[in-house]
């Protein structure tokens, strides 16, 4: 079997699985392509990213827990966790205020899912790590300052 044929079969089977999941209603096509958050990922500053996500007027989230280290010695892999106790949470985003592209991740959560995510982000320098939660169409935000010893975005 030649390599082009293998590559074609591999690509078509992956697209077939995505198509089946979308047809079954397990995932929405825009979730598979991250179309909804594209403008946020292209934003170059925190305010522009928040505006692209529709969260310019987010309120402080007392029911949101943001875990991140106070000092990040390895800035290329900073562990960040977000837990939302806000009923109706359907989206969690993680932003890093001083990164060249502040929006680091967006998680869309199906109904009935526990709204908790943990991931690693890359940080350019010491900055606010921001957790943005959307619940019932309203946005809630919490921030934590993380000091970086050596930047990870160079």
N, C-alpha and C. Protein backbone atom coordinates (compact mmCIF):
# COMPACT_ATOMS: atom_id res chain seq x y z
N UNK A 1 0.85 -1.17 0.00
CA UNK A 1 0.00 0.00 0.00
C UNK A 1 0.90 1.23 0.00
N UNK A 2 0.67 2.17 -0.89
CA UNK A 2 1.54 3.34 -0.94
C UNK A 2 1.15 4.36 0.14
N UNK A 3 2.05 5.27 0.43
CA UNK A 3 1.88 6.23 1.54
C UNK A 3 0.74 7.20 1.32
N UNK A 4 0.53 7.62 0.08
CA UNK A 4 -0.56 8.55 -0.19
C UNK A 4 -1.91 7.91 0.11
N UNK A 5 -2.04 6.64 -0.25
CA UNK A 5 -3.31 5.95 0.00
C UNK A 5 -3.54 5.81 1.50
N UNK A 6 -2.49 5.47 2.27
CA UNK A 6 -2.61 5.36 3.72
C UNK A 6 -3.01 6.69 4.35
N UNK A 7 -2.37 7.76 3.88
CA UNK A 7 -2.69 9.08 4.43
C UNK A 7 -4.14 9.45 4.13
N UNK A 8 -4.60 9.13 2.92
CA UNK A 8 -5.99 9.41 2.55
C UNK A 8 -6.96 8.60 3.41
N UNK A 9 -6.67 7.33 3.61
CA UNK A 9 -7.54 6.49 4.43
C UNK A 9 -7.58 6.98 5.88
N UNK A 10 -6.42 7.35 6.41
CA UNK A 10 -6.34 7.85 7.79
C UNK A 10 -7.14 9.14 7.95
N UNK A 11 -6.98 10.06 7.00
CA UNK A 11 -7.70 11.34 7.08
C UNK A 11 -9.20 11.14 6.92
N UNK A 12 -9.61 10.29 5.99
CA UNK A 12 -11.04 10.09 5.77
C UNK A 12 -11.69 9.37 6.94
N UNK A 13 -10.98 8.46 7.60
CA UNK A 13 -11.57 7.79 8.76
C UNK A 13 -11.73 8.76 9.92
N UNK A 14 -10.79 9.66 10.11
CA UNK A 14 -10.92 10.68 11.16
C UNK A 14 -12.09 11.60 10.90
N UNK A 15 -12.26 12.03 9.66
CA UNK A 15 -13.39 12.87 9.31
C UNK A 15 -14.71 12.10 9.45
N UNK A 16 -14.67 10.82 9.15
CA UNK A 16 -15.87 10.00 9.30
C UNK A 16 -16.32 9.90 10.74
N UNK A 17 -15.36 9.74 11.64
CA UNK A 17 -15.69 9.68 13.07
C UNK A 17 -16.27 11.00 13.54
N UNK A 18 -15.67 12.13 13.15
CA UNK A 18 -16.22 13.43 13.51
C UNK A 18 -17.63 13.60 12.96
N UNK A 19 -17.83 13.17 11.73
CA UNK A 19 -19.16 13.26 11.12
C UNK A 19 -20.19 12.43 11.86
N UNK A 20 -19.81 11.22 12.26
CA UNK A 20 -20.73 10.37 13.03
C UNK A 20 -21.07 10.99 14.38
N UNK A 21 -20.07 11.53 15.06
CA UNK A 21 -20.31 12.16 16.35
C UNK A 21 -21.22 13.38 16.21
N UNK A 22 -21.00 14.16 15.16
CA UNK A 22 -21.85 15.34 14.93
C UNK A 22 -23.27 14.91 14.57
N UNK A 23 -23.40 13.88 13.74
CA UNK A 23 -24.73 13.41 13.33
C UNK A 23 -25.50 12.82 14.52
N UNK A 24 -24.77 12.18 15.43
CA UNK A 24 -25.42 11.60 16.61
C UNK A 24 -25.75 12.64 17.67
N UNK A 25 -25.29 13.86 17.46
CA UNK A 25 -25.57 14.92 18.43
C UNK A 25 -24.63 14.93 19.62
N UNK A 26 -23.57 14.11 19.58
CA UNK A 26 -22.61 14.08 20.68
C UNK A 26 -21.80 15.37 20.71
N UNK A 27 -21.41 15.84 19.53
CA UNK A 27 -20.72 17.13 19.45
C UNK A 27 -21.37 17.96 18.35
N UNK A 28 -21.33 19.25 18.52
CA UNK A 28 -21.83 20.15 17.49
C UNK A 28 -20.69 20.43 16.51
N UNK A 29 -20.98 20.63 15.24
CA UNK A 29 -19.92 20.86 14.27
C UNK A 29 -19.03 22.05 14.64
N UNK A 30 -19.62 23.11 15.20
CA UNK A 30 -18.80 24.26 15.55
C UNK A 30 -17.87 23.96 16.72
N UNK A 31 -18.24 23.00 17.58
CA UNK A 31 -17.33 22.61 18.66
C UNK A 31 -16.14 21.86 18.10
N UNK A 32 -16.38 21.01 17.11
CA UNK A 32 -15.30 20.25 16.51
C UNK A 32 -14.29 21.17 15.84
N UNK A 33 -14.74 22.29 15.35
CA UNK A 33 -13.86 23.21 14.63
C UNK A 33 -13.44 24.40 15.46
N UNK A 34 -13.95 24.52 16.69
CA UNK A 34 -13.66 25.65 17.57
C UNK A 34 -13.99 26.98 16.89
N UNK A 35 -15.04 26.97 16.08
CA UNK A 35 -15.40 28.16 15.32
C UNK A 35 -15.87 29.30 16.20
N UNK A 36 -16.56 29.00 17.26
CA UNK A 36 -17.15 30.05 18.09
C UNK A 36 -16.09 30.90 18.79
N UNK A 37 -14.96 30.33 19.13
CA UNK A 37 -13.95 31.06 19.89
C UNK A 37 -12.79 31.55 19.01
N UNK A 38 -12.88 31.41 17.71
CA UNK A 38 -11.77 31.75 16.82
C UNK A 38 -11.30 33.19 16.99
N UNK A 39 -12.20 34.14 17.05
CA UNK A 39 -11.80 35.54 17.20
C UNK A 39 -11.10 35.77 18.52
N UNK A 40 -11.49 35.06 19.56
CA UNK A 40 -10.82 35.18 20.85
C UNK A 40 -9.39 34.70 20.80
N UNK A 41 -9.14 33.62 20.07
CA UNK A 41 -7.78 33.09 19.95
C UNK A 41 -6.89 34.00 19.11
N UNK A 42 -7.49 34.81 18.23
CA UNK A 42 -6.71 35.73 17.41
C UNK A 42 -6.42 37.06 18.11
N UNK A 43 -7.11 37.34 19.22
CA UNK A 43 -6.95 38.62 19.93
C UNK A 43 -5.55 38.76 20.51
N UNK A 44 -5.04 39.98 20.48
CA UNK A 44 -3.67 40.25 20.93
C UNK A 44 -3.57 40.83 22.34
N UNK A 45 -4.71 41.18 22.97
CA UNK A 45 -4.66 41.65 24.36
C UNK A 45 -5.88 41.12 25.10
N UNK A 46 -5.83 41.20 26.42
CA UNK A 46 -6.87 40.61 27.25
C UNK A 46 -8.24 41.21 26.98
N UNK A 47 -8.33 42.53 26.89
CA UNK A 47 -9.63 43.18 26.66
C UNK A 47 -10.24 42.75 25.32
N UNK A 48 -9.41 42.64 24.29
CA UNK A 48 -9.91 42.21 22.98
C UNK A 48 -10.38 40.76 23.03
N UNK A 49 -9.67 39.91 23.76
CA UNK A 49 -10.08 38.51 23.88
C UNK A 49 -11.40 38.40 24.63
N UNK A 50 -11.55 39.15 25.72
CA UNK A 50 -12.81 39.15 26.47
C UNK A 50 -13.96 39.66 25.60
N UNK A 51 -13.71 40.71 24.83
CA UNK A 51 -14.74 41.25 23.95
C UNK A 51 -15.14 40.23 22.88
N UNK A 52 -14.15 39.53 22.32
CA UNK A 52 -14.45 38.53 21.29
C UNK A 52 -15.29 37.38 21.85
N UNK A 53 -15.11 37.09 23.13
CA UNK A 53 -15.90 36.04 23.78
C UNK A 53 -17.25 36.55 24.27
N UNK A 54 -17.46 37.88 24.18
CA UNK A 54 -18.71 38.47 24.65
C UNK A 54 -18.75 38.72 26.14
N UNK A 55 -17.58 38.81 26.76
CA UNK A 55 -17.50 38.89 28.23
C UNK A 55 -16.89 40.19 28.73
N UNK A 56 -17.10 41.30 28.02
CA UNK A 56 -16.51 42.56 28.46
C UNK A 56 -17.02 43.00 29.83
N UNK A 57 -18.24 42.61 30.18
CA UNK A 57 -18.85 43.04 31.43
C UNK A 57 -19.02 41.87 32.40
N UNK A 58 -18.03 41.01 32.48
CA UNK A 58 -18.10 39.86 33.37
C UNK A 58 -18.05 40.32 34.82
N UNK A 59 -18.83 39.64 35.66
CA UNK A 59 -18.84 39.99 37.08
C UNK A 59 -17.90 39.05 37.84
N UNK A 60 -17.48 39.49 39.03
CA UNK A 60 -16.59 38.67 39.85
C UNK A 60 -17.30 37.38 40.23
N UNK A 61 -16.59 36.27 40.11
CA UNK A 61 -17.17 34.96 40.37
C UNK A 61 -16.80 34.40 41.72
N UNK A 62 -17.62 34.64 42.72
CA UNK A 62 -17.35 34.14 44.06
C UNK A 62 -17.47 32.62 44.13
N UNK A 63 -18.20 32.02 43.20
CA UNK A 63 -18.42 30.58 43.22
C UNK A 63 -17.49 29.84 42.24
N UNK A 64 -16.37 30.47 41.90
CA UNK A 64 -15.42 29.87 40.98
C UNK A 64 -14.08 29.73 41.70
N UNK A 65 -13.49 28.54 41.61
CA UNK A 65 -12.16 28.30 42.19
C UNK A 65 -11.14 28.21 41.06
N UNK A 66 -10.09 29.00 41.18
CA UNK A 66 -8.98 28.99 40.23
C UNK A 66 -7.74 28.55 40.96
N UNK A 67 -7.14 27.45 40.52
CA UNK A 67 -5.91 26.97 41.14
C UNK A 67 -4.77 27.09 40.15
N UNK A 68 -3.71 27.71 40.60
CA UNK A 68 -2.48 27.89 39.83
C UNK A 68 -1.38 28.16 40.85
N UNK A 69 -0.13 27.87 40.51
CA UNK A 69 0.94 28.12 41.47
C UNK A 69 1.18 29.61 41.67
N UNK A 70 1.66 29.99 42.85
CA UNK A 70 2.03 31.39 43.08
C UNK A 70 3.27 31.75 42.27
N UNK A 71 4.20 30.79 42.17
CA UNK A 71 5.43 30.99 41.39
C UNK A 71 5.56 29.82 40.42
N UNK A 72 5.72 30.14 39.15
CA UNK A 72 5.89 29.12 38.11
C UNK A 72 7.35 29.08 37.70
N UNK A 73 8.03 28.02 38.10
CA UNK A 73 9.43 27.88 37.74
C UNK A 73 9.59 27.38 36.31
N UNK A 74 8.64 26.59 35.84
CA UNK A 74 8.66 26.11 34.46
C UNK A 74 7.48 26.77 33.75
N UNK A 75 7.73 27.92 33.15
CA UNK A 75 6.65 28.72 32.56
C UNK A 75 6.10 28.14 31.27
N UNK A 76 6.75 27.14 30.72
CA UNK A 76 6.23 26.53 29.49
C UNK A 76 5.14 25.50 29.78
N UNK A 77 4.90 25.19 31.06
CA UNK A 77 3.85 24.23 31.42
C UNK A 77 3.33 24.54 32.82
N UNK A 78 2.51 25.56 32.94
CA UNK A 78 1.95 25.98 34.22
C UNK A 78 0.59 25.32 34.39
N UNK A 79 0.44 24.55 35.46
CA UNK A 79 -0.81 23.84 35.70
C UNK A 79 -1.87 24.81 36.23
N UNK A 80 -3.04 24.78 35.58
CA UNK A 80 -4.16 25.66 35.94
C UNK A 80 -5.42 24.80 36.03
N UNK A 81 -6.17 25.00 37.11
CA UNK A 81 -7.44 24.29 37.28
C UNK A 81 -8.56 25.27 37.58
N UNK A 82 -9.74 24.98 37.05
CA UNK A 82 -10.91 25.82 37.27
C UNK A 82 -12.07 24.92 37.67
N UNK A 83 -12.73 25.29 38.76
CA UNK A 83 -13.93 24.59 39.21
C UNK A 83 -15.02 25.63 39.39
N UNK A 84 -16.15 25.41 38.72
CA UNK A 84 -17.28 26.34 38.82
C UNK A 84 -18.40 25.69 39.62
N UNK A 85 -18.90 26.43 40.58
CA UNK A 85 -20.07 26.00 41.34
C UNK A 85 -21.29 26.85 40.95
N UNK A 86 -21.19 27.53 39.81
CA UNK A 86 -22.29 28.34 39.30
C UNK A 86 -23.22 27.41 38.51
N UNK A 87 -24.49 27.32 38.90
CA UNK A 87 -25.41 26.44 38.17
C UNK A 87 -25.54 26.87 36.70
N UNK A 88 -25.61 25.88 35.82
CA UNK A 88 -25.79 26.16 34.40
C UNK A 88 -24.50 26.48 33.66
N UNK A 89 -23.34 26.19 34.25
CA UNK A 89 -22.06 26.46 33.58
C UNK A 89 -21.96 25.63 32.31
N UNK A 90 -21.72 26.31 31.18
CA UNK A 90 -21.58 25.59 29.91
C UNK A 90 -20.28 25.90 29.18
N UNK A 91 -19.49 26.85 29.70
CA UNK A 91 -18.22 27.16 29.05
C UNK A 91 -17.23 27.68 30.09
N UNK A 92 -15.99 27.23 29.98
CA UNK A 92 -14.90 27.72 30.81
C UNK A 92 -13.75 28.10 29.88
N UNK A 93 -13.23 29.32 30.07
CA UNK A 93 -12.08 29.78 29.28
C UNK A 93 -10.96 30.15 30.24
N UNK A 94 -9.73 29.94 29.80
CA UNK A 94 -8.55 30.31 30.57
C UNK A 94 -7.74 31.28 29.73
N UNK A 95 -7.39 32.41 30.34
CA UNK A 95 -6.61 33.45 29.66
C UNK A 95 -5.39 33.81 30.50
N UNK A 96 -4.34 34.27 29.84
CA UNK A 96 -3.13 34.75 30.50
C UNK A 96 -2.90 36.16 30.00
N UNK A 97 -3.01 37.14 30.91
CA UNK A 97 -3.11 38.54 30.51
C UNK A 97 -1.94 39.07 29.70
N UNK A 98 -0.72 38.65 29.97
CA UNK A 98 0.44 39.23 29.27
C UNK A 98 1.04 38.33 28.20
N UNK A 99 0.33 37.30 27.81
CA UNK A 99 0.81 36.47 26.71
C UNK A 99 0.56 37.19 25.38
N UNK A 100 1.34 36.87 24.34
CA UNK A 100 1.12 37.49 23.03
C UNK A 100 -0.30 37.26 22.52
N UNK A 101 -0.88 36.10 22.79
CA UNK A 101 -2.28 35.78 22.50
C UNK A 101 -2.87 35.29 23.82
N UNK A 102 -3.62 36.15 24.53
CA UNK A 102 -4.04 35.84 25.90
C UNK A 102 -4.96 34.62 26.06
N UNK A 103 -5.83 34.34 25.10
CA UNK A 103 -6.75 33.22 25.25
C UNK A 103 -5.99 31.91 25.08
N UNK A 104 -5.91 31.14 26.17
CA UNK A 104 -5.15 29.89 26.15
C UNK A 104 -6.03 28.68 25.86
N UNK A 105 -7.26 28.67 26.37
CA UNK A 105 -8.12 27.50 26.19
C UNK A 105 -9.58 27.88 26.39
N UNK A 106 -10.45 27.19 25.66
CA UNK A 106 -11.89 27.31 25.84
C UNK A 106 -12.46 25.90 25.89
N UNK A 107 -13.23 25.62 26.93
CA UNK A 107 -13.85 24.32 27.10
C UNK A 107 -15.36 24.49 27.08
N UNK A 108 -16.03 23.80 26.16
CA UNK A 108 -17.48 23.79 26.12
C UNK A 108 -17.95 22.54 26.83
N UNK A 109 -18.86 22.72 27.79
CA UNK A 109 -19.29 21.62 28.64
C UNK A 109 -20.74 21.27 28.36
N UNK A 110 -21.02 20.02 28.00
CA UNK A 110 -22.41 19.61 27.78
C UNK A 110 -23.19 19.65 29.10
N UNK A 111 -24.49 19.79 29.00
CA UNK A 111 -25.35 19.79 30.17
C UNK A 111 -25.16 18.50 30.95
N UNK A 112 -25.09 18.62 32.26
CA UNK A 112 -24.91 17.45 33.12
C UNK A 112 -23.46 17.13 33.42
N UNK A 113 -22.53 17.86 32.82
CA UNK A 113 -21.10 17.64 33.05
C UNK A 113 -20.65 18.45 34.25
N UNK A 114 -19.78 17.88 35.08
CA UNK A 114 -19.23 18.64 36.20
C UNK A 114 -18.32 19.73 35.63
N UNK A 115 -18.58 20.99 35.96
CA UNK A 115 -17.80 22.09 35.38
C UNK A 115 -16.44 22.25 36.07
N UNK A 116 -15.53 21.37 35.73
CA UNK A 116 -14.17 21.41 36.28
C UNK A 116 -13.19 21.00 35.19
N UNK A 117 -12.16 21.83 35.00
CA UNK A 117 -11.13 21.52 34.01
C UNK A 117 -9.75 21.76 34.63
N UNK A 118 -8.79 21.02 34.14
CA UNK A 118 -7.40 21.20 34.52
C UNK A 118 -6.57 21.08 33.25
N UNK A 119 -5.65 22.00 33.07
CA UNK A 119 -4.79 21.97 31.89
C UNK A 119 -3.47 22.64 32.22
N UNK A 120 -2.59 22.71 31.26
CA UNK A 120 -1.32 23.42 31.41
C UNK A 120 -1.28 24.52 30.36
N UNK A 121 -0.79 25.67 30.76
CA UNK A 121 -0.67 26.80 29.84
C UNK A 121 0.77 27.28 29.82
N UNK A 122 1.11 27.94 28.75
CA UNK A 122 2.44 28.54 28.59
C UNK A 122 2.32 30.02 28.94
N UNK A 123 3.27 30.54 29.72
CA UNK A 123 3.23 31.94 30.12
C UNK A 123 4.50 32.65 29.66
N UNK A 124 4.33 33.84 29.10
CA UNK A 124 5.46 34.63 28.61
C UNK A 124 6.21 35.30 29.76
N UNK A 125 5.45 35.73 30.77
CA UNK A 125 6.03 36.47 31.90
C UNK A 125 5.03 36.44 33.05
N UNK A 126 5.42 37.01 34.18
CA UNK A 126 4.50 37.10 35.31
C UNK A 126 3.25 37.84 34.87
N UNK A 127 2.08 37.30 35.24
CA UNK A 127 0.83 37.87 34.73
C UNK A 127 -0.35 37.33 35.53
N UNK A 128 -1.51 37.92 35.26
CA UNK A 128 -2.76 37.40 35.80
C UNK A 128 -3.19 36.21 34.96
N UNK A 129 -3.54 35.13 35.64
CA UNK A 129 -4.21 34.02 34.98
C UNK A 129 -5.69 34.24 35.26
N UNK A 130 -6.51 34.22 34.22
CA UNK A 130 -7.91 34.57 34.33
C UNK A 130 -8.77 33.37 33.96
N UNK A 131 -9.72 33.05 34.84
CA UNK A 131 -10.72 32.02 34.54
C UNK A 131 -12.03 32.72 34.23
N UNK A 132 -12.59 32.42 33.09
CA UNK A 132 -13.85 33.01 32.65
C UNK A 132 -14.86 31.89 32.51
N UNK A 133 -15.99 32.05 33.19
CA UNK A 133 -17.03 31.02 33.19
C UNK A 133 -18.32 31.63 32.63
N UNK A 134 -18.95 30.92 31.70
CA UNK A 134 -20.26 31.34 31.21
C UNK A 134 -21.31 30.38 31.77
N UNK A 135 -22.30 30.97 32.43
CA UNK A 135 -23.39 30.18 33.00
C UNK A 135 -24.70 30.93 32.77
N UNK A 136 -25.66 30.25 32.15
CA UNK A 136 -26.97 30.85 31.86
C UNK A 136 -26.83 32.17 31.09
N UNK A 137 -25.87 32.24 30.18
CA UNK A 137 -25.68 33.43 29.34
C UNK A 137 -24.94 34.57 30.02
N UNK A 138 -24.55 34.43 31.27
CA UNK A 138 -23.83 35.48 32.00
C UNK A 138 -22.39 35.02 32.24
N UNK A 139 -21.48 35.99 32.29
CA UNK A 139 -20.07 35.68 32.46
C UNK A 139 -19.60 36.04 33.86
N UNK A 140 -18.74 35.18 34.40
CA UNK A 140 -18.15 35.37 35.72
C UNK A 140 -16.64 35.19 35.57
N UNK A 141 -15.87 35.98 36.31
CA UNK A 141 -14.42 35.95 36.14
C UNK A 141 -13.71 35.96 37.50
N UNK A 142 -12.59 35.24 37.55
CA UNK A 142 -11.68 35.30 38.69
C UNK A 142 -10.26 35.38 38.14
N UNK A 143 -9.37 35.99 38.92
CA UNK A 143 -7.98 36.18 38.49
C UNK A 143 -7.04 35.75 39.60
N UNK A 144 -5.86 35.33 39.21
CA UNK A 144 -4.80 35.02 40.15
C UNK A 144 -3.47 35.42 39.52
N UNK A 145 -2.64 36.12 40.29
CA UNK A 145 -1.32 36.51 39.81
C UNK A 145 -0.38 35.32 39.93
N UNK A 146 0.31 35.02 38.85
CA UNK A 146 1.31 33.95 38.85
C UNK A 146 2.64 34.58 38.46
N UNK A 147 3.63 34.45 39.34
CA UNK A 147 4.97 34.96 39.08
C UNK A 147 5.76 33.92 38.30
N UNK A 148 6.44 34.36 37.26
CA UNK A 148 7.21 33.49 36.38
C UNK A 148 8.69 33.79 36.58
N UNK A 149 9.51 32.75 36.79
CA UNK A 149 10.93 32.97 36.95
C UNK A 149 11.63 33.12 35.60
N UNK A 150 11.30 32.25 34.65
CA UNK A 150 11.85 32.32 33.29
C UNK A 150 10.70 32.13 32.33
N UNK A 151 10.48 33.08 31.42
CA UNK A 151 9.35 33.02 30.50
C UNK A 151 9.38 31.83 29.58
N UNK A 152 8.19 31.36 29.18
CA UNK A 152 8.08 30.19 28.34
C UNK A 152 7.69 30.48 26.91
N UNK A 153 7.48 31.75 26.54
CA UNK A 153 7.01 32.09 25.19
C UNK A 153 8.10 32.77 24.36
N UNK A 154 9.33 32.51 24.64
CA UNK A 154 10.38 33.18 23.89
C UNK A 154 10.71 32.47 22.60
